[in-house]
Amino acid sequence: MKGKKSPPLNEEPGPFNTAFAALGSLRGSLPAHPRPEPVRPSPPKGPSRAVVRYERKGRGGKEATVVEQLALSPRERDEWLLAMKQALGCGGTLEGDSLVLQGDQRSRVRAWLEARGVSQISVG
């Protein structure tokens, strides 16, 4: 057979000859390395107070949940409204300093606000 070389006698014949094949046997001689303790994030720091109301008056009979008295900047209010709408799966808008969500979402909004770090929530 011309052009084809046979493997040397001291190597194992096989399709995968790598330089790292012998390193597997050395794994047991390595010192044990403790796993680092996972870093747990602190709960998010949100505003200290929120008032959640349910209303139908002045909305053509449609139900709405209004979240008021959140001490947030205008940019943060926009971010919170977007996150709340996505988490609750409902529509919503800003009216002044209040977040207005479509439908009766009082219990779900309370749980969402607690997860965001709001400490005092009044639901009415």
PDB file of N, CA and C in Angstrom:
ATOM      1  N   MET A   1       0.830  -1.171   0.000  1.00  0.00           N
ATOM      2  CA  MET A   1       0.000   0.000   0.000  1.00  0.00           C
ATOM      3  C   MET A   1       0.874   1.233   0.000  1.00  0.00           C
ATOM      4  N   LYS A   2       0.804   1.962  -1.025  1.00  0.00           N
ATOM      5  CA  LYS A   2       1.623   3.140  -1.134  1.00  0.00           C
ATOM      6  C   LYS A   2       0.914   4.329  -0.498  1.00  0.00           C
ATOM      7  N   GLY A   3       1.672   5.182   0.183  1.00  0.00           N
ATOM      8  CA  GLY A   3       1.149   6.423   0.730  1.00  0.00           C
ATOM      9  C   GLY A   3       0.483   6.297   2.088  1.00  0.00           C
ATOM     10  N   LYS A   4       0.127   5.096   2.526  1.00  0.00           N
ATOM     11  CA  LYS A   4      -0.551   4.945   3.808  1.00  0.00           C
ATOM     12  C   LYS A   4       0.451   4.447   4.833  1.00  0.00           C
ATOM     13  N   LYS A   5       0.560   5.153   5.972  1.00  0.00           N
ATOM     14  CA  LYS A   5       1.503   4.771   7.009  1.00  0.00           C
ATOM     15  C   LYS A   5       0.776   3.938   8.047  1.00  0.00           C
ATOM     16  N   SER A   6       1.456   2.966   8.588  1.00  0.00           N
ATOM     17  CA  SER A   6       0.888   2.187   9.674  1.00  0.00           C
ATOM     18  C   SER A   6       1.232   2.859  10.995  1.00  0.00           C
ATOM     19  N   PRO A   7       0.360   2.720  12.036  1.00  0.00           N
ATOM     20  CA  PRO A   7       0.643   3.376  13.316  1.00  0.00           C
ATOM     21  C   PRO A   7       1.864   2.751  13.969  1.00  0.00           C
ATOM     22  N   PRO A   8       2.622   3.537  14.732  1.00  0.00           N
ATOM     23  CA  PRO A   8       3.769   2.975  15.439  1.00  0.00           C
ATOM     24  C   PRO A   8       3.311   1.899  16.412  1.00  0.00           C
ATOM     25  N   LEU A   9       4.193   1.002  16.766  1.00  0.00           N
ATOM     26  CA  LEU A   9       3.859  -0.145  17.604  1.00  0.00           C
ATOM     27  C   LEU A   9       3.537   0.236  19.051  1.00  0.00           C
ATOM     28  N   ASN A  10       4.068   1.326  19.562  1.00  0.00           N
ATOM     29  CA  ASN A  10       3.847   1.674  20.967  1.00  0.00           C
ATOM     30  C   ASN A  10       2.539   2.437  21.203  1.00  0.00           C
ATOM     31  N   GLU A  11       1.807   2.831  20.194  1.00  0.00           N
ATOM     32  CA  GLU A  11       0.537   3.535  20.358  1.00  0.00           C
ATOM     33  C   GLU A  11      -0.618   2.569  20.149  1.00  0.00           C
ATOM     34  N   GLU A  12      -1.702   2.854  20.844  1.00  0.00           N
ATOM     35  CA  GLU A  12      -2.907   2.045  20.647  1.00  0.00           C
ATOM     36  C   GLU A  12      -3.553   2.433  19.339  1.00  0.00           C
ATOM     37  N   PRO A  13      -3.942   1.486  18.569  1.00  0.00           N
ATOM     38  CA  PRO A  13      -4.665   1.851  17.352  1.00  0.00           C
ATOM     39  C   PRO A  13      -6.078   2.278  17.726  1.00  0.00           C
ATOM     40  N   GLY A  14      -6.547   3.266  17.135  1.00  0.00           N
ATOM     41  CA  GLY A  14      -7.904   3.718  17.391  1.00  0.00           C
ATOM     42  C   GLY A  14      -8.194   4.972  16.588  1.00  0.00           C
ATOM     43  N   PRO A  15      -9.446   5.297  16.458  1.00  0.00           N
ATOM     44  CA  PRO A  15      -9.792   6.451  15.641  1.00  0.00           C
ATOM     45  C   PRO A  15      -9.501   7.784  16.336  1.00  0.00           C
ATOM     46  N   PHE A  16      -9.385   7.776  17.690  1.00  0.00           N
ATOM     47  CA  PHE A  16      -9.214   9.035  18.412  1.00  0.00           C
ATOM     48  C   PHE A  16      -7.972   8.970  19.287  1.00  0.00           C
ATOM     49  N   ASN A  17      -6.875   9.376  18.776  1.00  0.00           N
ATOM     50  CA  ASN A  17      -5.633   9.464  19.551  1.00  0.00           C
ATOM     51  C   ASN A  17      -5.415  10.930  19.877  1.00  0.00           C
ATOM     52  N   THR A  18      -5.541  11.270  21.161  1.00  0.00           N
ATOM     53  CA  THR A  18      -5.332  12.656  21.557  1.00  0.00           C
ATOM     54  C   THR A  18      -4.253  12.738  22.617  1.00  0.00           C
ATOM     55  N   ALA A  19      -3.682  13.890  22.726  1.00  0.00           N
ATOM     56  CA  ALA A  19      -2.639  14.123  23.722  1.00  0.00           C
ATOM     57  C   ALA A  19      -3.235  14.185  25.128  1.00  0.00           C
ATOM     58  N   PHE A  20      -4.535  14.387  25.263  1.00  0.00           N
ATOM     59  CA  PHE A  20      -5.169  14.546  26.567  1.00  0.00           C
ATOM     60  C   PHE A  20      -5.787  13.257  27.100  1.00  0.00           C
ATOM     61  N   ALA A  21      -5.640  12.159  26.408  1.00  0.00           N
ATOM     62  CA  ALA A  21      -6.260  10.899  26.810  1.00  0.00           C
ATOM     63  C   ALA A  21      -5.745  10.424  28.161  1.00  0.00           C
ATOM     64  N   ALA A  22      -4.482  10.649  28.493  1.00  0.00           N
ATOM     65  CA  ALA A  22      -3.907  10.171  29.750  1.00  0.00           C
ATOM     66  C   ALA A  22      -4.292  11.053  30.939  1.00  0.00           C
ATOM     67  N   LEU A  23      -4.855  12.218  30.715  1.00  0.00           N
ATOM     68  CA  LEU A  23      -5.203  13.123  31.818  1.00  0.00           C
ATOM     69  C   LEU A  23      -6.370  12.609  32.655  1.00  0.00           C
ATOM     70  N   GLY A  24      -7.231  11.793  32.089  1.00  0.00           N
ATOM     71  CA  GLY A  24      -8.369  11.252  32.832  1.00  0.00           C
ATOM     72  C   GLY A  24      -7.925  10.426  34.028  1.00  0.00           C
ATOM     73  N   SER A  25      -6.819   9.723  33.905  1.00  0.00           N
ATOM     74  CA  SER A  25      -6.348   8.899  35.025  1.00  0.00           C
ATOM     75  C   SER A  25      -5.767   9.757  36.145  1.00  0.00           C
ATOM     76  N   LEU A  26      -5.386  10.988  35.872  1.00  0.00           N
ATOM     77  CA  LEU A  26      -4.811  11.872  36.890  1.00  0.00           C
ATOM     78  C   LEU A  26      -5.877  12.630  37.690  1.00  0.00           C
ATOM     79  N   ARG A  27      -7.111  12.554  37.284  1.00  0.00           N
ATOM     80  CA  ARG A  27      -8.171  13.318  37.925  1.00  0.00           C
ATOM     81  C   ARG A  27      -8.328  12.970  39.399  1.00  0.00           C
ATOM     82  N   GLY A  28      -8.145  11.724  39.773  1.00  0.00           N
ATOM     83  CA  GLY A  28      -8.283  11.299  41.164  1.00  0.00           C
ATOM     84  C   GLY A  28      -7.198  11.851  42.075  1.00  0.00           C
ATOM     85  N   SER A  29      -6.063  12.241  41.528  1.00  0.00           N
ATOM     86  CA  SER A  29      -4.974  12.751  42.365  1.00  0.00           C
ATOM     87  C   SER A  29      -5.089  14.250  42.620  1.00  0.00           C
ATOM     88  N   LEU A  30      -6.055  14.922  42.032  1.00  0.00           N
ATOM     89  CA  LEU A  30      -6.228  16.357  42.255  1.00  0.00           C
ATOM     90  C   LEU A  30      -6.861  16.611  43.615  1.00  0.00           C
ATOM     91  N   PRO A  31      -6.511  17.725  44.271  1.00  0.00           N
ATOM     92  CA  PRO A  31      -7.138  18.039  45.566  1.00  0.00           C
ATOM     93  C   PRO A  31      -8.605  18.419  45.366  1.00  0.00           C
ATOM     94  N   ALA A  32      -9.392  18.117  46.368  1.00  0.00           N
ATOM     95  CA  ALA A  32     -10.822  18.444  46.289  1.00  0.00           C
ATOM     96  C   ALA A  32     -10.987  19.951  46.397  1.00  0.00           C
ATOM     97  N   HIS A  33     -11.825  20.485  45.550  1.00  0.00           N
ATOM     98  CA  HIS A  33     -12.070  21.925  45.552  1.00  0.00           C
ATOM     99  C   HIS A  33     -13.508  22.161  45.996  1.00  0.00           C
ATOM    100  N   PRO A  34     -13.707  22.876  47.117  1.00  0.00           N
ATOM    101  CA  PRO A  34     -15.082  23.093  47.572  1.00  0.00           C
ATOM    102  C   PRO A  34     -15.824  24.021  46.613  1.00  0.00           C
ATOM    103  N   ARG A  35     -17.095  23.738  46.455  1.00  0.00           N
ATOM    104  CA  ARG A  35     -17.917  24.590  45.598  1.00  0.00           C
ATOM    105  C   ARG A  35     -18.209  25.892  46.340  1.00  0.00           C
ATOM    106  N   PRO A  36     -18.170  27.012  45.633  1.00  0.00           N
ATOM    107  CA  PRO A  36     -18.461  28.278  46.306  1.00  0.00           C
ATOM    108  C   PRO A  36     -19.943  28.361  46.674  1.00  0.00           C
ATOM    109  N   GLU A  37     -20.211  29.030  47.761  1.00  0.00           N
ATOM    110  CA  GLU A  37     -21.594  29.229  48.213  1.00  0.00           C
ATOM    111  C   GLU A  37     -22.292  30.168  47.229  1.00  0.00           C
ATOM    112  N   PRO A  38     -23.484  29.800  46.745  1.00  0.00           N
ATOM    113  CA  PRO A  38     -24.153  30.686  45.786  1.00  0.00           C
ATOM    114  C   PRO A  38     -24.533  32.008  46.450  1.00  0.00           C
ATOM    115  N   VAL A  39     -24.406  33.066  45.699  1.00  0.00           N
ATOM    116  CA  VAL A  39     -24.759  34.395  46.193  1.00  0.00           C
ATOM    117  C   VAL A  39     -26.252  34.573  46.007  1.00  0.00           C
ATOM    118  N   ARG A  40     -26.936  34.835  47.095  1.00  0.00           N
ATOM    119  CA  ARG A  40     -28.386  35.041  47.019  1.00  0.00           C
ATOM    120  C   ARG A  40     -28.665  36.530  46.933  1.00  0.00           C
ATOM    121  N   PRO A  41     -29.400  36.922  45.905  1.00  0.00           N
ATOM    122  CA  PRO A  41     -29.671  38.355  45.776  1.00  0.00           C
ATOM    123  C   PRO A  41     -30.618  38.822  46.872  1.00  0.00           C
ATOM    124  N   SER A  42     -30.392  40.036  47.317  1.00  0.00           N
ATOM    125  CA  SER A  42     -31.288  40.598  48.322  1.00  0.00           C
ATOM    126  C   SER A  42     -32.616  40.929  47.642  1.00  0.00           C
ATOM    127  N   PRO A  43     -33.702  40.943  48.409  1.00  0.00           N
ATOM    128  CA  PRO A  43     -34.981  41.267  47.785  1.00  0.00           C
ATOM    129  C   PRO A  43     -34.931  42.669  47.187  1.00  0.00           C
ATOM    130  N   PRO A  44     -35.612  42.865  46.056  1.00  0.00           N
ATOM    131  CA  PRO A  44     -35.554  44.168  45.420  1.00  0.00           C
ATOM    132  C   PRO A  44     -36.114  45.253  46.331  1.00  0.00           C
ATOM    133  N   LYS A  45     -35.508  46.405  46.264  1.00  0.00           N
ATOM    134  CA  LYS A  45     -35.937  47.525  47.095  1.00  0.00           C
ATOM    135  C   LYS A  45     -36.900  48.362  46.288  1.00  0.00           C
ATOM    136  N   GLY A  46     -38.159  48.309  46.652  1.00  0.00           N
ATOM    137  CA  GLY A  46     -39.178  49.082  45.962  1.00  0.00           C
ATOM    138  C   GLY A  46     -39.637  50.233  46.831  1.00  0.00           C
ATOM    139  N   PRO A  47     -40.646  50.943  46.373  1.00  0.00           N
ATOM    140  CA  PRO A  47     -41.185  52.020  47.195  1.00  0.00           C
ATOM    141  C   PRO A  47     -41.791  51.449  48.474  1.00  0.00           C
ATOM    142  N   SER A  48     -41.921  52.279  49.478  1.00  0.00           N
ATOM    143  CA  SER A  48     -42.377  51.774  50.771  1.00  0.00           C
ATOM    144  C   SER A  48     -43.893  51.609  50.837  1.00  0.00           C
ATOM    145  N   ARG A  49     -44.635  52.259  49.958  1.00  0.00           N
ATOM    146  CA  ARG A  49     -46.088  52.241  50.094  1.00  0.00           C
ATOM    147  C   ARG A  49     -46.752  52.190  48.722  1.00  0.00           C
ATOM    148  N   ALA A  50     -47.919  51.540  48.684  1.00  0.00           N
ATOM    149  CA  ALA A  50     -48.750  51.511  47.478  1.00  0.00           C
ATOM    150  C   ALA A  50     -50.204  51.346  47.892  1.00  0.00           C
ATOM    151  N   VAL A  51     -51.102  51.969  47.160  1.00  0.00           N
ATOM    152  CA  VAL A  51     -52.536  51.829  47.375  1.00  0.00           C
ATOM    153  C   VAL A  51     -53.125  51.232  46.103  1.00  0.00           C
ATOM    154  N   VAL A  52     -53.844  50.121  46.255  1.00  0.00           N
ATOM    155  CA  VAL A  52     -54.457  49.433  45.126  1.00  0.00           C
ATOM    156  C   VAL A  52     -55.966  49.553  45.273  1.00  0.00           C
ATOM    157  N   ARG A  53     -56.625  50.146  44.254  1.00  0.00           N
ATOM    158  CA  ARG A  53     -58.076  50.335  44.295  1.00  0.00           C
ATOM    159  C   ARG A  53     -58.720  49.667  43.087  1.00  0.00           C
ATOM    160  N   TYR A  54     -59.995  49.348  43.246  1.00  0.00           N
ATOM    161  CA  TYR A  54     -60.818  48.804  42.166  1.00  0.00           C
ATOM    162  C   TYR A  54     -61.868  49.854  41.846  1.00  0.00           C
ATOM    163  N   GLU A  55     -62.060  50.161  40.587  1.00  0.00           N
ATOM    164  CA  GLU A  55     -63.088  51.144  40.245  1.00  0.00           C
ATOM    165  C   GLU A  55     -63.738  50.833  38.905  1.00  0.00           C
ATOM    166  N   ARG A  56     -64.986  51.277  38.789  1.00  0.00           N
ATOM    167  CA  ARG A  56     -65.740  51.165  37.540  1.00  0.00           C
ATOM    168  C   ARG A  56     -66.332  52.507  37.158  1.00  0.00           C
ATOM    169  N   LYS A  57     -66.391  53.403  38.096  1.00  0.00           N
ATOM    170  CA  LYS A  57     -67.028  54.698  37.883  1.00  0.00           C
ATOM    171  C   LYS A  57     -66.237  55.531  36.860  1.00  0.00           C
ATOM    172  N   GLY A  58     -66.943  56.092  35.901  1.00  0.00           N
ATOM    173  CA  GLY A  58     -66.314  56.942  34.902  1.00  0.00           C
ATOM    174  C   GLY A  58     -65.555  56.184  33.831  1.00  0.00           C
ATOM    175  N   ARG A  59     -65.737  54.879  33.772  1.00  0.00           N
ATOM    176  CA  ARG A  59     -65.024  54.071  32.782  1.00  0.00           C
ATOM    177  C   ARG A  59     -65.995  53.300  31.882  1.00  0.00           C
ATOM    178  N   GLY A  60     -67.216  53.752  31.806  1.00  0.00           N
ATOM    179  CA  GLY A  60     -68.191  53.095  30.944  1.00  0.00           C
ATOM    180  C   GLY A  60     -68.551  51.699  31.422  1.00  0.00           C
ATOM    181  N   GLY A  61     -68.503  51.444  32.721  1.00  0.00           N
ATOM    182  CA  GLY A  61     -68.833  50.144  33.275  1.00  0.00           C
ATOM    183  C   GLY A  61     -67.693  49.140  33.238  1.00  0.00           C
ATOM    184  N   LYS A  62     -66.579  49.528  32.674  1.00  0.00           N
ATOM    185  CA  LYS A  62     -65.427  48.617  32.615  1.00  0.00           C
ATOM    186  C   LYS A  62     -64.713  48.598  33.966  1.00  0.00           C
ATOM    187  N   GLU A  63     -64.193  47.418  34.321  1.00  0.00           N
ATOM    188  CA  GLU A  63     -63.459  47.271  35.580  1.00  0.00           C
ATOM    189  C   GLU A  63     -62.016  47.718  35.381  1.00  0.00           C
ATOM    190  N   ALA A  64     -61.462  48.357  36.412  1.00  0.00           N
ATOM    191  CA  ALA A  64     -60.065  48.779  36.353  1.00  0.00           C
ATOM    192  C   ALA A  64     -59.461  48.680  37.745  1.00  0.00           C
ATOM    193  N   THR A  65     -58.206  48.334  37.796  1.00  0.00           N
ATOM    194  CA  THR A  65     -57.448  48.305  39.037  1.00  0.00           C
ATOM    195  C   THR A  65     -56.448  49.450  38.971  1.00  0.00           C
ATOM    196  N   VAL A  66     -56.488  50.316  39.980  1.00  0.00           N
ATOM    197  CA  VAL A  66     -55.647  51.508  40.008  1.00  0.00           C
ATOM    198  C   VAL A  66     -54.610  51.339  41.111  1.00  0.00           C
ATOM    199  N   VAL A  67     -53.347  51.550  40.775  1.00  0.00           N
ATOM    200  CA  VAL A  67     -52.251  51.487  41.738  1.00  0.00           C
ATOM    201  C   VAL A  67     -51.730  52.908  41.913  1.00  0.00           C
ATOM    202  N   GLU A  68     -51.827  53.425  43.147  1.00  0.00           N
ATOM    203  CA  GLU A  68     -51.468  54.810  43.423  1.00  0.00           C
ATOM    204  C   GLU A  68     -50.417  54.889  44.519  1.00  0.00           C
ATOM    205  N   GLN A  69     -49.905  56.091  44.691  1.00  0.00           N
ATOM    206  CA  GLN A  69     -48.964  56.465  45.744  1.00  0.00           C
ATOM    207  C   GLN A  69     -47.665  55.668  45.696  1.00  0.00           C
ATOM    208  N   LEU A  70     -47.256  55.283  44.509  1.00  0.00           N
ATOM    209  CA  LEU A  70     -45.936  54.690  44.332  1.00  0.00           C
ATOM    210  C   LEU A  70     -44.953  55.841  44.151  1.00  0.00           C
ATOM    211  N   ALA A  71     -43.997  55.937  45.010  1.00  0.00           N
ATOM    212  CA  ALA A  71     -42.997  57.009  44.923  1.00  0.00           C
ATOM    213  C   ALA A  71     -41.925  56.601  43.916  1.00  0.00           C
ATOM    214  N   LEU A  72     -42.274  56.721  42.629  1.00  0.00           N
ATOM    215  CA  LEU A  72     -41.364  56.331  41.556  1.00  0.00           C
ATOM    216  C   LEU A  72     -41.153  57.504  40.609  1.00  0.00           C
ATOM    217  N   SER A  73     -40.001  57.519  39.974  1.00  0.00           N
ATOM    218  CA  SER A  73     -39.746  58.530  38.945  1.00  0.00           C
ATOM    219  C   SER A  73     -40.591  58.175  37.711  1.00  0.00           C
ATOM    220  N   PRO A  74     -40.787  59.127  36.807  1.00  0.00           N
ATOM    221  CA  PRO A  74     -41.579  58.812  35.598  1.00  0.00           C
ATOM    222  C   PRO A  74     -41.018  57.641  34.796  1.00  0.00           C
ATOM    223  N   ARG A  75     -39.688  57.534  34.699  1.00  0.00           N
ATOM    224  CA  ARG A  75     -39.089  56.418  33.962  1.00  0.00           C
ATOM    225  C   ARG A  75     -39.358  55.099  34.665  1.00  0.00           C
ATOM    226  N   GLU A  76     -39.226  55.086  36.003  1.00  0.00           N
ATOM    227  CA  GLU A  76     -39.494  53.866  36.770  1.00  0.00           C
ATOM    228  C   GLU A  76     -40.969  53.476  36.681  1.00  0.00           C
ATOM    229  N   ARG A  77     -41.863  54.476  36.665  1.00  0.00           N
ATOM    230  CA  ARG A  77     -43.301  54.172  36.524  1.00  0.00           C
ATOM    231  C   ARG A  77     -43.568  53.471  35.210  1.00  0.00           C
ATOM    232  N   ASP A  78     -42.946  53.946  34.128  1.00  0.00           N
ATOM    233  CA  ASP A  78     -43.112  53.292  32.818  1.00  0.00           C
ATOM    234  C   ASP A  78     -42.594  51.856  32.853  1.00  0.00           C
ATOM    235  N   GLU A  79     -41.428  51.653  33.469  1.00  0.00           N
ATOM    236  CA  GLU A  79     -40.855  50.303  33.553  1.00  0.00           C
ATOM    237  C   GLU A  79     -41.741  49.387  34.392  1.00  0.00           C
ATOM    238  N   TRP A  80     -42.246  49.884  35.519  1.00  0.00           N
ATOM    239  CA  TRP A  80     -43.101  49.074  36.384  1.00  0.00           C
ATOM    240  C   TRP A  80     -44.402  48.730  35.678  1.00  0.00           C
ATOM    241  N   LEU A  81     -44.981  49.683  34.958  1.00  0.00           N
ATOM    242  CA  LEU A  81     -46.231  49.411  34.244  1.00  0.00           C
ATOM    243  C   LEU A  81     -46.021  48.328  33.195  1.00  0.00           C
ATOM    244  N   LEU A  82     -44.950  48.430  32.439  1.00  0.00           N
ATOM    245  CA  LEU A  82     -44.674  47.428  31.412  1.00  0.00           C
ATOM    246  C   LEU A  82     -44.462  46.053  32.042  1.00  0.00           C
ATOM    247  N   ALA A  83     -43.668  45.987  33.102  1.00  0.00           N
ATOM    248  CA  ALA A  83     -43.412  44.705  33.763  1.00  0.00           C
ATOM    249  C   ALA A  83     -44.693  44.133  34.371  1.00  0.00           C
ATOM    250  N   MET A  84     -45.527  44.998  34.946  1.00  0.00           N
ATOM    251  CA  MET A  84     -46.774  44.540  35.562  1.00  0.00           C
ATOM    252  C   MET A  84     -47.740  44.010  34.505  1.00  0.00           C
ATOM    253  N   LYS A  85     -47.851  44.702  33.378  1.00  0.00           N
ATOM    254  CA  LYS A  85     -48.733  44.248  32.309  1.00  0.00           C
ATOM    255  C   LYS A  85     -48.274  42.895  31.764  1.00  0.00           C
ATOM    256  N   GLN A  86     -46.960  42.720  31.613  1.00  0.00           N
ATOM    257  CA  GLN A  86     -46.449  41.450  31.098  1.00  0.00           C
ATOM    258  C   GLN A  86     -46.643  40.323  32.102  1.00  0.00           C
ATOM    259  N   ALA A  87     -46.439  40.607  33.383  1.00  0.00           N
ATOM    260  CA  ALA A  87     -46.561  39.566  34.400  1.00  0.00           C
ATOM    261  C   ALA A  87     -48.009  39.149  34.608  1.00  0.00           C
ATOM    262  N   LEU A  88     -48.926  40.108  34.532  1.00  0.00           N
ATOM    263  CA  LEU A  88     -50.337  39.814  34.798  1.00  0.00           C
ATOM    264  C   LEU A  88     -51.113  39.482  33.532  1.00  0.00           C
ATOM    265  N   GLY A  89     -50.556  39.747  32.386  1.00  0.00           N
ATOM    266  CA  GLY A  89     -51.236  39.428  31.136  1.00  0.00           C
ATOM    267  C   GLY A  89     -52.461  40.276  30.900  1.00  0.00           C
ATOM    268  N   CYS A  90     -52.347  41.567  31.155  1.00  0.00           N
ATOM    269  CA  CYS A  90     -53.486  42.467  30.953  1.00  0.00           C
ATOM    270  C   CYS A  90     -52.989  43.773  30.357  1.00  0.00           C
ATOM    271  N   GLY A  91     -53.918  44.597  29.927  1.00  0.00           N
ATOM    272  CA  GLY A  91     -53.563  45.910  29.404  1.00  0.00           C
ATOM    273  C   GLY A  91     -53.496  46.910  30.531  1.00  0.00           C
ATOM    274  N   GLY A  92     -52.932  48.054  30.236  1.00  0.00           N
ATOM    275  CA  GLY A  92     -52.849  49.092  31.244  1.00  0.00           C
ATOM    276  C   GLY A  92     -52.304  50.371  30.670  1.00  0.00           C
ATOM    277  N   THR A  93     -52.410  51.434  31.467  1.00  0.00           N
ATOM    278  CA  THR A  93     -51.940  52.740  31.043  1.00  0.00           C
ATOM    279  C   THR A  93     -51.560  53.559  32.262  1.00  0.00           C
ATOM    280  N   LEU A  94     -50.944  54.698  32.006  1.00  0.00           N
ATOM    281  CA  LEU A  94     -50.622  55.652  33.059  1.00  0.00           C
ATOM    282  C   LEU A  94     -51.654  56.769  33.028  1.00  0.00           C
ATOM    283  N   GLU A  95     -52.176  57.130  34.185  1.00  0.00           N
ATOM    284  CA  GLU A  95     -53.054  58.295  34.322  1.00  0.00           C
ATOM    285  C   GLU A  95     -52.467  59.147  35.430  1.00  0.00           C
ATOM    286  N   GLY A  96     -51.726  60.172  35.038  1.00  0.00           N
ATOM    287  CA  GLY A  96     -51.040  61.001  36.029  1.00  0.00           C
ATOM    288  C   GLY A  96     -49.945  60.195  36.697  1.00  0.00           C
ATOM    289  N   ASP A  97     -50.020  60.065  38.022  1.00  0.00           N
ATOM    290  CA  ASP A  97     -49.038  59.280  38.767  1.00  0.00           C
ATOM    291  C   ASP A  97     -49.545  57.870  39.066  1.00  0.00           C
ATOM    292  N   SER A  98     -50.708  57.497  38.543  1.00  0.00           N
ATOM    293  CA  SER A  98     -51.319  56.200  38.835  1.00  0.00           C
ATOM    294  C   SER A  98     -51.124  55.232  37.680  1.00  0.00           C
ATOM    295  N   LEU A  99     -50.982  53.957  38.040  1.00  0.00           N
ATOM    296  CA  LEU A  99     -50.958  52.881  37.061  1.00  0.00           C
ATOM    297  C   LEU A  99     -52.359  52.300  37.004  1.00  0.00           C
ATOM    298  N   VAL A 100     -52.955  52.233  35.822  1.00  0.00           N
ATOM    299  CA  VAL A 100     -54.314  51.727  35.666  1.00  0.00           C
ATOM    300  C   VAL A 100     -54.243  50.455  34.835  1.00  0.00           C
ATOM    301  N   LEU A 101     -54.729  49.348  35.412  1.00  0.00           N
ATOM    302  CA  LEU A 101     -54.727  48.049  34.742  1.00  0.00           C
ATOM    303  C   LEU A 101     -56.149  47.641  34.412  1.00  0.00           C
ATOM    304  N   GLN A 102     -56.327  46.958  33.315  1.00  0.00           N
ATOM    305  CA  GLN A 102     -57.654  46.509  32.915  1.00  0.00           C
ATOM    306  C   GLN A 102     -58.084  45.318  33.757  1.00  0.00           C
ATOM    307  N   GLY A 103     -59.325  45.336  34.206  1.00  0.00           N
ATOM    308  CA  GLY A 103     -59.886  44.213  34.938  1.00  0.00           C
ATOM    309  C   GLY A 103     -59.632  44.300  36.429  1.00  0.00           C
ATOM    310  N   ASP A 104     -60.218  43.353  37.163  1.00  0.00           N
ATOM    311  CA  ASP A 104     -60.055  43.274  38.615  1.00  0.00           C
ATOM    312  C   ASP A 104     -58.800  42.450  38.904  1.00  0.00           C
ATOM    313  N   GLN A 105     -57.698  43.111  39.158  1.00  0.00           N
ATOM    314  CA  GLN A 105     -56.401  42.454  39.353  1.00  0.00           C
ATOM    315  C   GLN A 105     -55.874  42.659  40.776  1.00  0.00           C
ATOM    316  N   ARG A 106     -56.733  43.011  41.726  1.00  0.00           N
ATOM    317  CA  ARG A 106     -56.263  43.415  43.049  1.00  0.00           C
ATOM    318  C   ARG A 106     -55.395  42.372  43.739  1.00  0.00           C
ATOM    319  N   SER A 107     -55.830  41.125  43.782  1.00  0.00           N
ATOM    320  CA  SER A 107     -55.042  40.113  44.502  1.00  0.00           C
ATOM    321  C   SER A 107     -53.730  39.818  43.776  1.00  0.00           C
ATOM    322  N   ARG A 108     -53.766  39.794  42.461  1.00  0.00           N
ATOM    323  CA  ARG A 108     -52.550  39.522  41.704  1.00  0.00           C
ATOM    324  C   ARG A 108     -51.563  40.682  41.778  1.00  0.00           C
ATOM    325  N   VAL A 109     -52.086  41.918  41.779  1.00  0.00           N
ATOM    326  CA  VAL A 109     -51.222  43.090  41.891  1.00  0.00           C
ATOM    327  C   VAL A 109     -50.558  43.117  43.262  1.00  0.00           C
ATOM    328  N   ARG A 110     -51.296  42.751  44.302  1.00  0.00           N
ATOM    329  CA  ARG A 110     -50.726  42.729  45.653  1.00  0.00           C
ATOM    330  C   ARG A 110     -49.527  41.767  45.714  1.00  0.00           C
ATOM    331  N   ALA A 111     -49.694  40.561  45.173  1.00  0.00           N
ATOM    332  CA  ALA A 111     -48.606  39.582  45.172  1.00  0.00           C
ATOM    333  C   ALA A 111     -47.426  40.085  44.352  1.00  0.00           C
ATOM    334  N   TRP A 112     -47.695  40.734  43.222  1.00  0.00           N
ATOM    335  CA  TRP A 112     -46.626  41.250  42.378  1.00  0.00           C
ATOM    336  C   TRP A 112     -45.861  42.358  43.087  1.00  0.00           C
ATOM    337  N   LEU A 113     -46.583  43.250  43.765  1.00  0.00           N
ATOM    338  CA  LEU A 113     -45.929  44.344  44.484  1.00  0.00           C
ATOM    339  C   LEU A 113     -45.096  43.823  45.651  1.00  0.00           C
ATOM    340  N   GLU A 114     -45.601  42.813  46.355  1.00  0.00           N
ATOM    341  CA  GLU A 114     -44.827  42.225  47.453  1.00  0.00           C
ATOM    342  C   GLU A 114     -43.526  41.627  46.929  1.00  0.00           C
ATOM    343  N   ALA A 115     -43.588  40.967  45.772  1.00  0.00           N
ATOM    344  CA  ALA A 115     -42.382  40.391  45.187  1.00  0.00           C
ATOM    345  C   ALA A 115     -41.401  41.467  44.758  1.00  0.00           C
ATOM    346  N   ARG A 116     -41.892  42.660  44.453  1.00  0.00           N
ATOM    347  CA  ARG A 116     -41.027  43.783  44.059  1.00  0.00           C
ATOM    348  C   ARG A 116     -40.483  44.553  45.249  1.00  0.00           C
ATOM    349  N   GLY A 117     -40.862  44.183  46.463  1.00  0.00           N
ATOM    350  CA  GLY A 117     -40.287  44.821  47.642  1.00  0.00           C
ATOM    351  C   GLY A 117     -41.086  45.944  48.246  1.00  0.00           C
ATOM    352  N   VAL A 118     -42.346  46.106  47.833  1.00  0.00           N
ATOM    353  CA  VAL A 118     -43.186  47.156  48.437  1.00  0.00           C
ATOM    354  C   VAL A 118     -43.630  46.637  49.792  1.00  0.00           C
ATOM    355  N   SER A 119     -43.357  47.395  50.856  1.00  0.00           N
ATOM    356  CA  SER A 119     -43.587  46.882  52.209  1.00  0.00           C
ATOM    357  C   SER A 119     -45.012  47.106  52.696  1.00  0.00           C
ATOM    358  N   GLN A 120     -45.622  48.229  52.378  1.00  0.00           N
ATOM    359  CA  GLN A 120     -46.967  48.525  52.887  1.00  0.00           C
ATOM    360  C   GLN A 120     -47.919  48.669  51.693  1.00  0.00           C
ATOM    361  N   ILE A 121     -48.868  47.718  51.597  1.00  0.00           N
ATOM    362  CA  ILE A 121     -49.811  47.714  50.476  1.00  0.00           C
ATOM    363  C   ILE A 121     -51.216  47.760  51.033  1.00  0.00           C
ATOM    364  N   SER A 122     -51.973  48.783  50.635  1.00  0.00           N
ATOM    365  CA  SER A 122     -53.374  48.903  51.034  1.00  0.00           C
ATOM    366  C   SER A 122     -54.236  48.527  49.835  1.00  0.00           C
ATOM    367  N   VAL A 123     -55.105  47.544  50.020  1.00  0.00           N
ATOM    368  CA  VAL A 123     -55.980  47.081  48.929  1.00  0.00           C
ATOM    369  C   VAL A 123     -57.407  47.416  49.298  1.00  0.00           C
ATOM    370  N   GLY A 124     -58.107  48.070  48.383  1.00  0.00           N
ATOM    371  CA  GLY A 124     -59.492  48.453  48.672  1.00  0.00           C
ATOM    372  C   GLY A 124     -60.383  48.277  47.484  1.00  0.00           C
TER     373      GLY A 124
END
